[in-house]
Amino acid sequence: MLALLLVPQVLSAQGFLDQFSYEGLRFSGVGFEIGPVGTDRVTTEVSGAVRVDYGFIAPRVRVLVGGSYFKGDLSDSEIEEFQTSLQRVVIDPTGDARVDVGQITWANFALDMDLQYVFPGSPRYMTYLGVGLGVHVRNGGGAAIDDTFVEDALDTIAAGANISFGVQVAIVDHLDVTADFRGGLTSELLLASARVGLMYRVQGRGGG
């Protein structure tokens, strides 16, 4: 009896998995984007990104690989907290000492792979909702921390996850205007970005 109940579920799962195929994966386009990116620890900065469309791995599910970069100053609250911590360990009988570490920068280079569900729509435009995983390579710097363990602590490699929502609109054959809104989570930063750009398409939109 249990076997009879499980068979439809197994067949349903098998049917779902059968929709995924490498046959639809091919280089389909490349795009460049620019826009602001904000985090919970670094000042909001303009960020550039490259996206490569690798086609559809399942009906309406496409694969994108991308890279992005930004560099900004640690926020005033982060700097103030750091300076306060240093102030506590300074031997200052007169109480006149002041700690000023100046600017500390943090750069972030990310590589992401996204699976994006493309909603049904007009051949001239597409909207999508995606999830992805990535790797973030970071580099810290500043006159007060260069060549110290503090710089080493900011020079990290971390895994991350993201969600994305966007629109692509064809303006001429093989050329789309893009708008991508993205949120990211890593072990050390929360990120949000809004970028616009252009994508050159070498393949049709398809959709699986």
N, C-alpha and C. Protein backbone atom coordinates (compact mmCIF):
# COMPACT_ATOMS: atom_id res chain seq x y z
N MET A 1 0.83 -1.20 0.00
CA MET A 1 0.00 0.00 0.00
C MET A 1 0.88 1.27 0.00
N LEU A 2 1.92 1.26 0.86
CA LEU A 2 2.82 2.40 0.93
C LEU A 2 3.50 2.63 -0.41
N ALA A 3 3.89 1.53 -1.07
CA ALA A 3 4.55 1.64 -2.37
C ALA A 3 3.63 2.29 -3.39
N LEU A 4 2.35 1.93 -3.34
CA LEU A 4 1.39 2.51 -4.29
C LEU A 4 1.23 4.01 -4.07
N LEU A 5 1.31 4.44 -2.79
CA LEU A 5 1.20 5.86 -2.48
C LEU A 5 2.44 6.63 -2.91
N LEU A 6 3.61 6.00 -2.83
CA LEU A 6 4.86 6.67 -3.15
C LEU A 6 5.11 6.78 -4.64
N VAL A 7 4.59 5.84 -5.43
CA VAL A 7 4.87 5.82 -6.86
C VAL A 7 4.49 7.13 -7.55
N PRO A 8 3.27 7.67 -7.34
CA PRO A 8 2.95 8.94 -8.01
C PRO A 8 3.89 10.08 -7.63
N GLN A 9 4.32 10.11 -6.35
CA GLN A 9 5.21 11.18 -5.91
C GLN A 9 6.58 11.04 -6.58
N VAL A 10 7.06 9.82 -6.67
CA VAL A 10 8.36 9.57 -7.31
C VAL A 10 8.30 9.96 -8.78
N LEU A 11 7.20 9.56 -9.44
CA LEU A 11 7.06 9.89 -10.85
C LEU A 11 6.96 11.39 -11.06
N SER A 12 6.27 12.08 -10.14
CA SER A 12 6.15 13.53 -10.24
C SER A 12 7.50 14.20 -10.08
N ALA A 13 8.29 13.75 -9.09
CA ALA A 13 9.63 14.30 -8.89
C ALA A 13 10.53 14.03 -10.08
N GLN A 14 10.40 12.80 -10.64
CA GLN A 14 11.20 12.45 -11.80
C GLN A 14 10.84 13.33 -12.99
N GLY A 15 9.52 13.58 -13.15
CA GLY A 15 9.09 14.44 -14.24
C GLY A 15 9.61 15.86 -14.10
N PHE A 16 9.66 16.35 -12.85
CA PHE A 16 10.19 17.69 -12.62
C PHE A 16 11.67 17.74 -12.97
N LEU A 17 12.43 16.74 -12.54
CA LEU A 17 13.87 16.72 -12.82
C LEU A 17 14.14 16.57 -14.30
N ASP A 18 13.25 15.88 -15.02
CA ASP A 18 13.44 15.68 -16.45
C ASP A 18 13.39 16.99 -17.23
N GLN A 19 12.82 18.04 -16.63
CA GLN A 19 12.75 19.33 -17.30
C GLN A 19 14.11 20.01 -17.39
N PHE A 20 15.03 19.61 -16.51
CA PHE A 20 16.35 20.21 -16.51
C PHE A 20 17.25 19.50 -17.50
N SER A 21 17.93 20.29 -18.34
CA SER A 21 18.78 19.71 -19.36
C SER A 21 19.90 20.69 -19.70
N TYR A 22 21.08 20.14 -20.00
CA TYR A 22 22.20 20.96 -20.42
C TYR A 22 22.09 21.39 -21.88
N GLU A 23 21.13 20.83 -22.61
CA GLU A 23 21.03 21.12 -24.04
C GLU A 23 20.74 22.59 -24.32
N GLY A 24 20.05 23.27 -23.39
CA GLY A 24 19.73 24.67 -23.61
C GLY A 24 20.80 25.64 -23.15
N LEU A 25 21.88 25.11 -22.57
CA LEU A 25 22.94 25.98 -22.06
C LEU A 25 23.91 26.34 -23.17
N ARG A 26 24.04 27.62 -23.41
CA ARG A 26 24.98 28.12 -24.41
C ARG A 26 25.18 29.61 -24.15
N PHE A 27 26.30 30.12 -24.58
CA PHE A 27 26.56 31.56 -24.43
C PHE A 27 25.50 32.32 -25.22
N SER A 28 24.70 33.14 -24.51
CA SER A 28 23.57 33.82 -25.15
C SER A 28 23.64 35.33 -25.10
N GLY A 29 24.51 35.87 -24.27
CA GLY A 29 24.61 37.32 -24.20
C GLY A 29 25.56 37.77 -23.11
N VAL A 30 25.98 39.02 -23.21
CA VAL A 30 26.86 39.61 -22.19
C VAL A 30 26.40 41.04 -21.95
N GLY A 31 26.36 41.43 -20.68
CA GLY A 31 25.89 42.75 -20.34
C GLY A 31 26.78 43.46 -19.34
N PHE A 32 26.68 44.78 -19.35
CA PHE A 32 27.43 45.62 -18.43
C PHE A 32 26.44 46.51 -17.69
N GLU A 33 26.60 46.62 -16.37
CA GLU A 33 25.67 47.38 -15.53
C GLU A 33 26.45 48.32 -14.61
N ILE A 34 25.77 49.38 -14.20
CA ILE A 34 26.36 50.31 -13.25
C ILE A 34 25.26 50.89 -12.38
N GLY A 35 25.58 51.15 -11.11
CA GLY A 35 24.60 51.73 -10.21
C GLY A 35 25.08 51.68 -8.78
N PRO A 36 24.32 52.24 -7.86
CA PRO A 36 24.74 52.32 -6.46
C PRO A 36 24.61 50.97 -5.75
N VAL A 37 25.55 50.71 -4.85
CA VAL A 37 25.46 49.55 -3.97
C VAL A 37 25.66 50.05 -2.54
N GLY A 38 24.80 49.60 -1.65
CA GLY A 38 24.90 50.00 -0.25
C GLY A 38 25.06 48.78 0.64
N THR A 39 25.73 48.95 1.76
CA THR A 39 25.93 47.87 2.71
C THR A 39 25.68 48.40 4.12
N ASP A 40 25.71 47.48 5.07
CA ASP A 40 25.51 47.87 6.46
C ASP A 40 26.78 48.36 7.13
N ARG A 41 27.94 48.32 6.43
CA ARG A 41 29.20 48.70 7.07
C ARG A 41 30.05 49.65 6.24
N VAL A 42 29.72 49.81 4.97
CA VAL A 42 30.53 50.62 4.05
C VAL A 42 29.65 51.68 3.42
N THR A 43 30.23 52.84 3.13
CA THR A 43 29.47 53.91 2.49
C THR A 43 28.92 53.46 1.14
N THR A 44 27.78 54.01 0.76
CA THR A 44 27.18 53.69 -0.53
C THR A 44 28.06 54.22 -1.66
N GLU A 45 28.33 53.35 -2.62
CA GLU A 45 29.23 53.70 -3.72
C GLU A 45 28.65 53.24 -5.05
N VAL A 46 29.16 53.80 -6.13
CA VAL A 46 28.80 53.34 -7.47
C VAL A 46 29.56 52.05 -7.76
N SER A 47 28.85 51.08 -8.32
CA SER A 47 29.42 49.76 -8.55
C SER A 47 29.18 49.34 -9.99
N GLY A 48 30.16 48.66 -10.57
CA GLY A 48 30.03 48.09 -11.90
C GLY A 48 29.87 46.58 -11.84
N ALA A 49 29.20 46.03 -12.85
CA ALA A 49 28.99 44.59 -12.89
C ALA A 49 28.97 44.10 -14.34
N VAL A 50 29.36 42.86 -14.51
CA VAL A 50 29.28 42.17 -15.81
C VAL A 50 28.41 40.94 -15.62
N ARG A 51 27.46 40.72 -16.54
CA ARG A 51 26.59 39.54 -16.48
C ARG A 51 26.71 38.78 -17.80
N VAL A 52 26.84 37.47 -17.70
CA VAL A 52 26.89 36.61 -18.88
C VAL A 52 25.70 35.66 -18.84
N ASP A 53 24.88 35.69 -19.89
CA ASP A 53 23.70 34.84 -19.99
C ASP A 53 24.11 33.53 -20.65
N TYR A 54 23.90 32.40 -19.92
CA TYR A 54 24.28 31.10 -20.45
C TYR A 54 23.07 30.27 -20.88
N GLY A 55 21.95 30.93 -21.13
CA GLY A 55 20.81 30.22 -21.67
C GLY A 55 19.98 29.53 -20.60
N PHE A 56 19.11 28.62 -21.06
CA PHE A 56 18.09 28.01 -20.20
C PHE A 56 18.44 26.57 -19.84
N ILE A 57 18.41 26.29 -18.53
CA ILE A 57 18.66 24.94 -18.05
C ILE A 57 17.35 24.18 -17.84
N ALA A 58 16.24 24.89 -17.83
CA ALA A 58 14.91 24.32 -17.68
C ALA A 58 13.93 25.32 -18.27
N PRO A 59 12.67 24.90 -18.51
CA PRO A 59 11.69 25.86 -19.02
C PRO A 59 11.61 27.10 -18.12
N ARG A 60 11.91 28.25 -18.71
CA ARG A 60 11.85 29.55 -18.05
C ARG A 60 12.88 29.73 -16.95
N VAL A 61 13.85 28.86 -16.83
CA VAL A 61 14.90 29.00 -15.82
C VAL A 61 16.24 29.16 -16.53
N ARG A 62 16.81 30.35 -16.45
CA ARG A 62 18.07 30.60 -17.13
C ARG A 62 19.22 30.73 -16.13
N VAL A 63 20.42 30.55 -16.64
CA VAL A 63 21.64 30.60 -15.83
C VAL A 63 22.41 31.87 -16.20
N LEU A 64 22.75 32.66 -15.20
CA LEU A 64 23.59 33.84 -15.38
C LEU A 64 24.82 33.72 -14.48
N VAL A 65 25.96 34.10 -15.03
CA VAL A 65 27.19 34.19 -14.25
C VAL A 65 27.64 35.65 -14.30
N GLY A 66 28.00 36.19 -13.16
CA GLY A 66 28.35 37.60 -13.13
C GLY A 66 29.46 37.93 -12.17
N GLY A 67 30.03 39.10 -12.38
CA GLY A 67 31.04 39.63 -11.48
C GLY A 67 30.76 41.09 -11.20
N SER A 68 31.04 41.54 -9.99
CA SER A 68 30.81 42.95 -9.63
C SER A 68 31.92 43.43 -8.70
N TYR A 69 32.07 44.75 -8.64
CA TYR A 69 33.14 45.33 -7.81
C TYR A 69 32.69 46.67 -7.25
N PHE A 70 33.04 46.91 -5.99
CA PHE A 70 32.89 48.25 -5.42
C PHE A 70 33.96 48.44 -4.36
N LYS A 71 34.23 49.71 -4.08
CA LYS A 71 35.20 50.07 -3.04
C LYS A 71 34.68 51.30 -2.33
N GLY A 72 34.62 51.23 -1.01
CA GLY A 72 34.13 52.36 -0.24
C GLY A 72 34.81 52.48 1.10
N ASP A 73 34.49 53.55 1.81
CA ASP A 73 35.03 53.77 3.15
C ASP A 73 34.16 53.09 4.18
N LEU A 74 34.77 52.56 5.22
CA LEU A 74 33.99 52.08 6.35
C LEU A 74 33.14 53.23 6.90
N SER A 75 31.93 52.91 7.32
CA SER A 75 31.00 53.94 7.78
C SER A 75 31.53 54.65 9.03
N ASP A 76 30.98 55.84 9.29
CA ASP A 76 31.40 56.61 10.46
C ASP A 76 31.20 55.82 11.75
N SER A 77 30.11 55.06 11.83
CA SER A 77 29.85 54.28 13.05
C SER A 77 30.89 53.20 13.24
N GLU A 78 31.33 52.56 12.15
CA GLU A 78 32.37 51.53 12.26
C GLU A 78 33.69 52.15 12.71
N ILE A 79 34.05 53.30 12.13
CA ILE A 79 35.29 53.97 12.50
C ILE A 79 35.25 54.44 13.96
N GLU A 80 34.12 54.99 14.35
CA GLU A 80 33.99 55.47 15.73
C GLU A 80 34.10 54.32 16.73
N GLU A 81 33.49 53.18 16.41
CA GLU A 81 33.58 52.03 17.30
C GLU A 81 35.02 51.54 17.41
N PHE A 82 35.74 51.53 16.29
CA PHE A 82 37.13 51.10 16.30
C PHE A 82 37.99 52.06 17.13
N GLN A 83 37.79 53.35 16.93
CA GLN A 83 38.58 54.33 17.68
C GLN A 83 38.28 54.28 19.17
N THR A 84 37.01 54.05 19.52
CA THR A 84 36.66 53.94 20.94
C THR A 84 37.34 52.74 21.59
N SER A 85 37.41 51.64 20.85
CA SER A 85 38.08 50.44 21.37
C SER A 85 39.56 50.71 21.61
N LEU A 86 40.21 51.43 20.68
CA LEU A 86 41.62 51.76 20.86
C LEU A 86 41.82 52.73 22.01
N GLN A 87 40.89 53.66 22.15
CA GLN A 87 41.00 54.66 23.22
C GLN A 87 41.02 54.01 24.60
N ARG A 88 40.30 52.91 24.74
CA ARG A 88 40.20 52.25 26.05
C ARG A 88 41.53 51.66 26.51
N VAL A 89 42.40 51.31 25.54
CA VAL A 89 43.67 50.67 25.92
C VAL A 89 44.84 51.64 25.92
N VAL A 90 44.57 52.90 25.60
CA VAL A 90 45.64 53.91 25.62
C VAL A 90 45.91 54.33 27.07
N ILE A 91 47.20 54.30 27.45
CA ILE A 91 47.59 54.80 28.77
C ILE A 91 47.70 56.31 28.69
N ASP A 92 46.76 57.00 29.34
CA ASP A 92 46.65 58.45 29.18
C ASP A 92 46.34 59.10 30.54
N PRO A 93 47.37 59.33 31.35
CA PRO A 93 47.14 59.91 32.69
C PRO A 93 46.47 61.28 32.63
N THR A 94 46.74 62.06 31.59
CA THR A 94 46.19 63.42 31.52
C THR A 94 44.80 63.45 30.89
N GLY A 95 44.43 62.39 30.20
CA GLY A 95 43.13 62.35 29.53
C GLY A 95 43.07 63.18 28.27
N ASP A 96 44.22 63.56 27.71
CA ASP A 96 44.26 64.42 26.53
C ASP A 96 44.43 63.63 25.22
N ALA A 97 44.73 62.35 25.31
CA ALA A 97 45.01 61.58 24.10
C ALA A 97 43.74 61.42 23.25
N ARG A 98 43.92 61.49 21.95
CA ARG A 98 42.84 61.28 21.02
C ARG A 98 43.30 60.30 19.94
N VAL A 99 42.44 59.36 19.61
CA VAL A 99 42.76 58.36 18.59
C VAL A 99 42.02 58.73 17.31
N ASP A 100 42.77 58.86 16.21
CA ASP A 100 42.19 59.18 14.91
C ASP A 100 42.82 58.25 13.87
N VAL A 101 42.07 57.28 13.41
CA VAL A 101 42.62 56.30 12.47
C VAL A 101 42.43 56.73 11.02
N GLY A 102 41.76 57.85 10.80
CA GLY A 102 41.55 58.31 9.43
C GLY A 102 40.58 57.42 8.67
N GLN A 103 40.70 57.43 7.36
CA GLN A 103 39.81 56.62 6.51
C GLN A 103 40.34 55.19 6.39
N ILE A 104 39.41 54.26 6.42
CA ILE A 104 39.73 52.85 6.14
C ILE A 104 38.80 52.40 5.02
N THR A 105 39.38 51.89 3.97
CA THR A 105 38.59 51.47 2.81
C THR A 105 38.40 49.97 2.82
N TRP A 106 37.34 49.54 2.14
CA TRP A 106 37.05 48.11 1.99
C TRP A 106 36.55 47.88 0.58
N ALA A 107 37.26 47.07 -0.17
CA ALA A 107 36.88 46.74 -1.54
C ALA A 107 36.30 45.34 -1.59
N ASN A 108 35.32 45.13 -2.45
CA ASN A 108 34.65 43.84 -2.55
C ASN A 108 34.49 43.45 -4.02
N PHE A 109 35.06 42.31 -4.37
CA PHE A 109 34.87 41.73 -5.71
C PHE A 109 34.07 40.45 -5.55
N ALA A 110 32.96 40.35 -6.27
CA ALA A 110 32.06 39.19 -6.13
C ALA A 110 31.89 38.47 -7.45
N LEU A 111 31.86 37.15 -7.37
CA LEU A 111 31.51 36.28 -8.50
C LEU A 111 30.25 35.52 -8.11
N ASP A 112 29.21 35.60 -8.95
CA ASP A 112 27.92 34.98 -8.64
C ASP A 112 27.46 34.08 -9.77
N MET A 113 26.71 33.05 -9.41
CA MET A 113 25.96 32.26 -10.39
C MET A 113 24.51 32.26 -9.96
N ASP A 114 23.63 32.71 -10.85
CA ASP A 114 22.21 32.86 -10.53
C ASP A 114 21.36 31.90 -11.37
N LEU A 115 20.30 31.42 -10.76
CA LEU A 115 19.22 30.76 -11.48
C LEU A 115 18.03 31.71 -11.44
N GLN A 116 17.55 32.14 -12.61
CA GLN A 116 16.51 33.15 -12.68
C GLN A 116 15.29 32.59 -13.41
N TYR A 117 14.14 32.73 -12.75
CA TYR A 117 12.89 32.34 -13.39
C TYR A 117 12.38 33.51 -14.21
N VAL A 118 12.19 33.28 -15.52
CA VAL A 118 11.74 34.31 -16.44
C VAL A 118 10.22 34.22 -16.58
N PHE A 119 9.53 35.27 -16.19
CA PHE A 119 8.07 35.26 -16.24
C PHE A 119 7.58 35.37 -17.69
N PRO A 120 6.43 34.76 -18.00
CA PRO A 120 5.87 34.91 -19.34
C PRO A 120 5.60 36.38 -19.65
N GLY A 121 5.83 36.77 -20.90
CA GLY A 121 5.63 38.16 -21.27
C GLY A 121 5.81 38.36 -22.75
N SER A 122 5.96 39.61 -23.13
CA SER A 122 6.14 39.98 -24.53
C SER A 122 7.53 39.58 -25.01
N PRO A 123 7.68 39.25 -26.31
CA PRO A 123 9.01 38.98 -26.86
C PRO A 123 9.97 40.16 -26.74
N ARG A 124 9.43 41.36 -26.52
CA ARG A 124 10.28 42.54 -26.44
C ARG A 124 10.83 42.79 -25.05
N TYR A 125 10.29 42.15 -24.05
CA TYR A 125 10.81 42.37 -22.71
C TYR A 125 10.69 41.11 -21.87
N MET A 126 11.47 41.02 -20.82
CA MET A 126 11.38 39.92 -19.87
C MET A 126 11.57 40.46 -18.46
N THR A 127 10.87 39.85 -17.53
CA THR A 127 11.08 40.12 -16.11
C THR A 127 11.49 38.81 -15.45
N TYR A 128 12.30 38.90 -14.42
CA TYR A 128 12.81 37.68 -13.80
C TYR A 128 12.93 37.85 -12.29
N LEU A 129 12.94 36.70 -11.62
CA LEU A 129 13.19 36.62 -10.19
C LEU A 129 14.19 35.51 -9.99
N GLY A 130 15.28 35.79 -9.27
CA GLY A 130 16.35 34.81 -9.19
C GLY A 130 16.94 34.63 -7.80
N VAL A 131 17.65 33.54 -7.66
CA VAL A 131 18.44 33.27 -6.46
C VAL A 131 19.82 32.83 -6.93
N GLY A 132 20.82 33.07 -6.10
CA GLY A 132 22.17 32.72 -6.51
C GLY A 132 23.12 32.54 -5.35
N LEU A 133 24.26 31.97 -5.67
CA LEU A 133 25.36 31.79 -4.73
C LEU A 133 26.60 32.45 -5.31
N GLY A 134 27.49 32.89 -4.42
CA GLY A 134 28.68 33.58 -4.91
C GLY A 134 29.84 33.51 -3.95
N VAL A 135 30.95 34.06 -4.42
CA VAL A 135 32.17 34.18 -3.63
C VAL A 135 32.57 35.65 -3.61
N HIS A 136 32.88 36.17 -2.42
CA HIS A 136 33.26 37.57 -2.25
C HIS A 136 34.71 37.65 -1.77
N VAL A 137 35.52 38.34 -2.55
CA VAL A 137 36.93 38.55 -2.20
C VAL A 137 37.08 40.01 -1.79
N ARG A 138 37.59 40.24 -0.57
CA ARG A 138 37.63 41.58 -0.02
C ARG A 138 39.06 42.01 0.32
N ASN A 139 39.28 43.32 0.24
CA ASN A 139 40.59 43.88 0.56
C ASN A 139 40.42 45.18 1.32
N GLY A 140 41.02 45.25 2.51
CA GLY A 140 40.96 46.45 3.32
C GLY A 140 42.24 47.25 3.21
N GLY A 141 42.14 48.54 3.48
CA GLY A 141 43.33 49.39 3.43
C GLY A 141 43.13 50.70 4.16
N GLY A 142 44.23 51.32 4.53
CA GLY A 142 44.18 52.60 5.24
C GLY A 142 45.52 52.84 5.91
N ALA A 143 45.90 54.11 6.03
CA ALA A 143 47.22 54.44 6.59
C ALA A 143 47.42 53.87 7.98
N ALA A 144 46.35 53.79 8.78
CA ALA A 144 46.48 53.34 10.17
C ALA A 144 46.52 51.82 10.30
N ILE A 145 46.12 51.10 9.26
CA ILE A 145 46.03 49.63 9.39
C ILE A 145 46.91 48.87 8.41
N ASP A 146 47.52 49.56 7.44
CA ASP A 146 48.33 48.85 6.44
C ASP A 146 49.42 48.02 7.12
N ASP A 147 49.56 46.79 6.65
CA ASP A 147 50.58 45.85 7.15
C ASP A 147 50.38 45.51 8.62
N THR A 148 49.13 45.53 9.09
CA THR A 148 48.83 45.11 10.45
C THR A 148 47.83 43.97 10.43
N PHE A 149 47.58 43.38 11.59
CA PHE A 149 46.61 42.29 11.67
C PHE A 149 45.19 42.78 11.39
N VAL A 150 44.95 44.08 11.56
CA VAL A 150 43.62 44.64 11.24
C VAL A 150 43.37 44.55 9.74
N GLU A 151 44.38 44.91 8.95
CA GLU A 151 44.24 44.77 7.50
C GLU A 151 44.03 43.31 7.12
N ASP A 152 44.79 42.42 7.78
CA ASP A 152 44.63 40.99 7.50
C ASP A 152 43.20 40.52 7.80
N ALA A 153 42.60 41.07 8.85
CA ALA A 153 41.24 40.68 9.22
C ALA A 153 40.22 41.14 8.18
N LEU A 154 40.52 42.26 7.49
CA LEU A 154 39.61 42.76 6.46
C LEU A 154 39.84 42.09 5.11
N ASP A 155 41.01 41.49 4.92
CA ASP A 155 41.30 40.79 3.67
C ASP A 155 40.76 39.37 3.77
N THR A 156 39.55 39.17 3.27
CA THR A 156 38.87 37.89 3.47
C THR A 156 38.28 37.37 2.16
N ILE A 157 37.96 36.09 2.19
CA ILE A 157 37.18 35.45 1.13
C ILE A 157 35.97 34.81 1.80
N ALA A 158 34.78 35.16 1.35
CA ALA A 158 33.56 34.69 2.01
C ALA A 158 32.54 34.23 0.99
N ALA A 159 31.75 33.23 1.37
CA ALA A 159 30.64 32.78 0.54
C ALA A 159 29.45 33.71 0.75
N GLY A 160 28.58 33.76 -0.24
CA GLY A 160 27.41 34.62 -0.13
C GLY A 160 26.23 34.06 -0.89
N ALA A 161 25.06 34.56 -0.58
CA ALA A 161 23.82 34.21 -1.29
C ALA A 161 23.12 35.49 -1.69
N ASN A 162 22.34 35.44 -2.76
CA ASN A 162 21.65 36.65 -3.20
C ASN A 162 20.28 36.32 -3.78
N ILE A 163 19.43 37.34 -3.81
CA ILE A 163 18.18 37.29 -4.55
C ILE A 163 18.18 38.46 -5.52
N SER A 164 17.53 38.29 -6.66
CA SER A 164 17.54 39.34 -7.66
C SER A 164 16.17 39.45 -8.32
N PHE A 165 15.87 40.65 -8.76
CA PHE A 165 14.67 40.91 -9.54
C PHE A 165 15.05 41.92 -10.60
N GLY A 166 14.60 41.70 -11.84
CA GLY A 166 15.00 42.63 -12.88
C GLY A 166 14.11 42.60 -14.10
N VAL A 167 14.42 43.53 -15.00
CA VAL A 167 13.69 43.69 -16.25
C VAL A 167 14.70 43.89 -17.37
N GLN A 168 14.45 43.27 -18.51
CA GLN A 168 15.22 43.51 -19.72
C GLN A 168 14.27 43.88 -20.84
N VAL A 169 14.57 44.98 -21.53
CA VAL A 169 13.71 45.47 -22.61
C VAL A 169 14.55 45.59 -23.87
N ALA A 170 14.10 44.96 -24.95
CA ALA A 170 14.82 45.04 -26.22
C ALA A 170 14.60 46.41 -26.85
N ILE A 171 15.68 47.12 -27.19
CA ILE A 171 15.55 48.42 -27.84
C ILE A 171 15.83 48.32 -29.34
N VAL A 172 16.73 47.43 -29.72
CA VAL A 172 16.97 47.08 -31.12
C VAL A 172 17.31 45.60 -31.13
N ASP A 173 17.44 45.01 -32.31
CA ASP A 173 17.81 43.61 -32.40
C ASP A 173 19.12 43.36 -31.66
N HIS A 174 19.12 42.37 -30.81
CA HIS A 174 20.31 41.90 -30.08
C HIS A 174 20.79 42.86 -29.00
N LEU A 175 20.03 43.89 -28.67
CA LEU A 175 20.49 44.82 -27.63
C LEU A 175 19.34 45.15 -26.68
N ASP A 176 19.55 44.87 -25.39
CA ASP A 176 18.55 45.11 -24.35
C ASP A 176 19.03 46.17 -23.38
N VAL A 177 18.09 46.94 -22.86
CA VAL A 177 18.32 47.76 -21.67
C VAL A 177 17.95 46.93 -20.46
N THR A 178 18.78 46.94 -19.44
CA THR A 178 18.55 46.09 -18.26
C THR A 178 18.44 46.94 -17.00
N ALA A 179 17.65 46.44 -16.07
CA ALA A 179 17.57 47.01 -14.72
C ALA A 179 17.56 45.84 -13.75
N ASP A 180 18.52 45.81 -12.84
CA ASP A 180 18.68 44.69 -11.92
C ASP A 180 18.71 45.21 -10.49
N PHE A 181 17.85 44.64 -9.65
CA PHE A 181 17.80 44.98 -8.23
C PHE A 181 18.17 43.74 -7.44
N ARG A 182 19.13 43.89 -6.53
CA ARG A 182 19.75 42.70 -5.93
C ARG A 182 20.03 42.91 -4.45
N GLY A 183 19.77 41.88 -3.66
CA GLY A 183 20.14 41.88 -2.26
C GLY A 183 21.05 40.70 -1.99
N GLY A 184 22.06 40.91 -1.14
CA GLY A 184 23.03 39.86 -0.87
C GLY A 184 23.32 39.72 0.61
N LEU A 185 23.68 38.51 0.99
CA LEU A 185 24.00 38.19 2.38
C LEU A 185 25.30 37.42 2.41
N THR A 186 26.26 37.91 3.20
CA THR A 186 27.51 37.19 3.43
C THR A 186 27.78 37.18 4.94
N SER A 187 28.89 36.56 5.31
CA SER A 187 29.19 36.44 6.73
C SER A 187 29.56 37.78 7.36
N GLU A 188 29.92 38.79 6.54
CA GLU A 188 30.40 40.05 7.10
C GLU A 188 29.66 41.28 6.57
N LEU A 189 28.89 41.13 5.51
CA LEU A 189 28.22 42.28 4.92
C LEU A 189 26.81 41.91 4.46
N LEU A 190 25.91 42.86 4.61
CA LEU A 190 24.62 42.82 3.94
C LEU A 190 24.69 43.84 2.81
N LEU A 191 24.26 43.43 1.61
CA LEU A 191 24.40 44.30 0.45
C LEU A 191 23.07 44.47 -0.27
N ALA A 192 22.89 45.63 -0.88
CA ALA A 192 21.74 45.90 -1.74
C ALA A 192 22.22 46.77 -2.89
N SER A 193 21.79 46.46 -4.10
CA SER A 193 22.24 47.23 -5.26
C SER A 193 21.09 47.45 -6.23
N ALA A 194 21.23 48.50 -7.02
CA ALA A 194 20.29 48.80 -8.10
C ALA A 194 21.12 49.28 -9.29
N ARG A 195 21.18 48.48 -10.33
CA ARG A 195 22.04 48.81 -11.47
C ARG A 195 21.23 48.80 -12.77
N VAL A 196 21.64 49.64 -13.70
CA VAL A 196 21.07 49.66 -15.04
C VAL A 196 22.21 49.46 -16.02
N GLY A 197 21.87 48.97 -17.22
CA GLY A 197 22.93 48.72 -18.18
C GLY A 197 22.39 48.26 -19.52
N LEU A 198 23.29 47.67 -20.29
CA LEU A 198 22.97 47.15 -21.62
C LEU A 198 23.45 45.71 -21.71
N MET A 199 22.69 44.88 -22.43
CA MET A 199 23.10 43.51 -22.69
C MET A 199 23.04 43.24 -24.19
N TYR A 200 24.15 42.77 -24.73
CA TYR A 200 24.18 42.34 -26.12
C TYR A 200 23.84 40.86 -26.17
N ARG A 201 22.82 40.51 -26.94
CA ARG A 201 22.33 39.14 -27.00
C ARG A 201 22.74 38.51 -28.33
N VAL A 202 23.37 37.35 -28.25
CA VAL A 202 23.75 36.62 -29.47
C VAL A 202 22.76 35.51 -29.79
N GLN A 203 21.87 35.20 -28.83
CA GLN A 203 20.85 34.18 -29.02
C GLN A 203 19.48 34.80 -28.77
N GLY A 204 18.44 34.12 -29.24
CA GLY A 204 17.08 34.56 -28.96
C GLY A 204 16.75 34.38 -27.49
N ARG A 205 15.66 34.94 -27.07
CA ARG A 205 15.26 34.87 -25.67
C ARG A 205 14.90 33.47 -25.26
N GLY A 206 14.36 32.75 -26.13
CA GLY A 206 13.97 31.36 -25.80
C GLY A 206 12.99 31.33 -24.66
N GLY A 207 13.27 30.52 -23.67
CA GLY A 207 12.39 30.35 -22.55
C GLY A 207 12.25 28.90 -22.21
N GLY A 208 12.98 28.07 -22.95
CA GLY A 208 12.97 26.65 -22.67
C GLY A 208 11.90 25.96 -23.43
